[in-house]
Amino acid sequence: MKIVLAVDEDKRTIVKRTGQSAYFAIYEDEKFLELIPNNHHDGGHHHSHDSHEEHTNSHRKDVEALKGCDIILVRAVGENMKEALESVGLTIKKIREKHGVSADEVVKNFLAGNI
């Protein structure tokens, strides 16, 4: 199972808002595979889109690299990002801080059935 988490610049801390993450960390079960940069991070996220559809399509381009992954574990996700993630086949599962602060912690808790 390929698991995605939205992480900060330190490449391990879970961020609160998925669309504002610096990277998407991808795991295959407990094994870390890679980091995918989030182009909406650090000035790339502009809300000047003319429509909801344009904003969603902007996010969709950013998450295209997550195709083939199974699930994303998130603390919070906006409607446009939610639609974009679902469009590439990801199941979205909400997590809380008690499930872990780092990506490694959250993945272990998820796989152990604690989430």
Protein backbone atom coordinates (compact mmCIF):
# COMPACT_ATOMS: atom_id res chain seq x y z
CA MET A 1 0.00 0.00 0.00
CA LYS A 2 1.35 3.42 -0.97
CA ILE A 3 0.67 6.05 1.68
CA VAL A 4 1.06 9.82 1.16
CA LEU A 5 1.55 12.46 3.86
CA ALA A 6 1.83 16.24 3.53
CA VAL A 7 5.05 17.37 5.22
CA ASP A 8 6.86 20.62 5.96
CA GLU A 9 10.28 21.90 4.80
CA ASP A 10 12.02 19.59 7.27
CA LYS A 11 10.64 16.71 5.18
CA ARG A 12 9.15 14.86 8.15
CA THR A 13 6.73 17.02 10.18
CA ILE A 14 3.06 16.67 9.24
CA VAL A 15 1.51 19.99 8.20
CA LYS A 16 -1.94 21.13 9.22
CA ARG A 17 -3.18 22.15 5.76
CA THR A 18 -2.39 19.71 2.99
CA GLY A 19 -2.33 22.30 0.20
CA GLN A 20 0.30 24.32 2.05
CA SER A 21 2.76 21.48 2.51
CA ALA A 22 6.30 21.80 1.16
CA TYR A 23 6.38 18.15 0.09
CA PHE A 24 4.34 15.00 -0.20
CA ALA A 25 6.15 12.07 1.46
CA ILE A 26 5.40 8.71 -0.10
CA TYR A 27 5.72 5.45 1.79
CA GLU A 28 5.26 1.86 0.67
CA ASP A 29 3.96 0.39 3.91
CA GLU A 30 6.59 1.49 6.50
CA LYS A 31 9.35 2.11 3.95
CA PHE A 32 9.94 5.72 2.88
CA LEU A 33 10.14 5.95 -0.92
CA GLU A 34 10.39 9.58 -2.01
CA LEU A 35 9.45 13.24 -1.60
CA ILE A 36 7.39 15.06 -4.20
CA PRO A 37 7.61 18.90 -4.04
CA ASN A 38 4.30 20.74 -3.72
CA ASN A 39 4.39 23.61 -6.23
CA HIS A 40 1.70 25.51 -4.32
CA HIS A 41 4.08 25.90 -1.37
CA ASP A 42 6.12 29.05 -0.69
CA GLY A 43 4.57 31.60 -2.95
CA GLY A 44 3.32 29.21 -5.59
CA HIS A 45 -0.19 29.25 -4.15
CA HIS A 46 -2.17 32.07 -5.63
CA HIS A 47 -5.90 32.49 -5.21
CA SER A 48 -6.29 34.63 -8.31
CA HIS A 49 -7.94 31.79 -10.22
CA ASP A 50 -11.10 32.88 -12.00
CA SER A 51 -13.11 29.91 -10.86
CA HIS A 52 -13.34 27.01 -8.46
CA GLU A 53 -12.59 24.72 -11.41
CA GLU A 54 -9.37 26.58 -12.31
CA HIS A 55 -8.19 26.43 -8.71
CA THR A 56 -8.94 22.70 -8.50
CA ASN A 57 -7.14 22.12 -11.83
CA SER A 58 -4.12 24.01 -10.48
CA HIS A 59 -3.98 21.64 -7.49
CA ARG A 60 -4.61 18.67 -9.81
CA LYS A 61 -1.39 19.48 -11.72
CA ASP A 62 0.50 19.55 -8.42
CA VAL A 63 -0.77 16.14 -7.28
CA GLU A 64 -0.50 14.38 -10.63
CA ALA A 65 2.76 12.77 -9.43
CA LEU A 66 0.79 11.05 -6.63
CA LYS A 67 -1.11 8.86 -9.11
CA GLY A 68 -0.66 5.22 -8.21
CA CYS A 69 -0.69 5.91 -4.48
CA ASP A 70 -3.56 4.53 -2.42
CA ILE A 71 -4.26 6.85 0.50
CA ILE A 72 -3.30 10.25 1.87
CA LEU A 73 -3.39 10.89 5.60
CA VAL A 74 -4.29 14.54 6.30
CA ARG A 75 -5.04 16.83 9.22
CA ALA A 76 -7.03 19.31 7.11
CA VAL A 77 -7.71 19.66 3.42
CA GLY A 78 -9.49 22.41 1.50
CA GLU A 79 -12.23 21.60 -0.96
CA ASN A 80 -10.12 22.30 -4.09
CA MET A 81 -7.23 20.14 -2.89
CA LYS A 82 -9.67 17.42 -1.80
CA GLU A 83 -11.15 17.27 -5.30
CA ALA A 84 -7.67 17.21 -6.86
CA LEU A 85 -6.49 14.36 -4.59
CA GLU A 86 -9.61 12.31 -5.29
CA SER A 87 -9.20 12.92 -9.04
CA VAL A 88 -5.87 11.04 -9.00
CA GLY A 89 -7.45 8.12 -7.12
CA LEU A 90 -6.36 8.86 -3.56
CA THR A 91 -8.54 7.96 -0.58
CA ILE A 92 -8.43 10.74 2.01
CA LYS A 93 -8.23 9.79 5.68
CA LYS A 94 -8.27 12.42 8.43
CA ILE A 95 -5.70 12.18 11.20
CA ARG A 96 -5.15 14.10 14.42
CA GLU A 97 -2.05 15.28 16.24
CA LYS A 98 -2.43 12.40 18.70
CA HIS A 99 -1.67 10.02 15.79
CA GLY A 100 1.83 11.46 15.49
CA VAL A 101 3.78 14.58 14.61
CA SER A 102 6.22 13.00 12.16
CA ALA A 103 5.41 11.10 8.98
CA ASP A 104 7.15 7.97 10.33
CA GLU A 105 5.00 8.02 13.50
CA VAL A 106 1.76 8.49 11.60
CA VAL A 107 2.56 5.71 9.12
CA LYS A 108 3.37 3.28 11.95
CA ASN A 109 0.14 4.15 13.77
CA PHE A 110 -1.88 3.80 10.56
CA LEU A 111 -0.41 0.41 9.71
CA ALA A 112 -0.93 -0.78 13.30
CA GLY A 113 -4.63 0.08 12.99
CA ASN A 114 -4.48 2.95 15.49
CA ILE A 115 -5.97 5.47 13.06
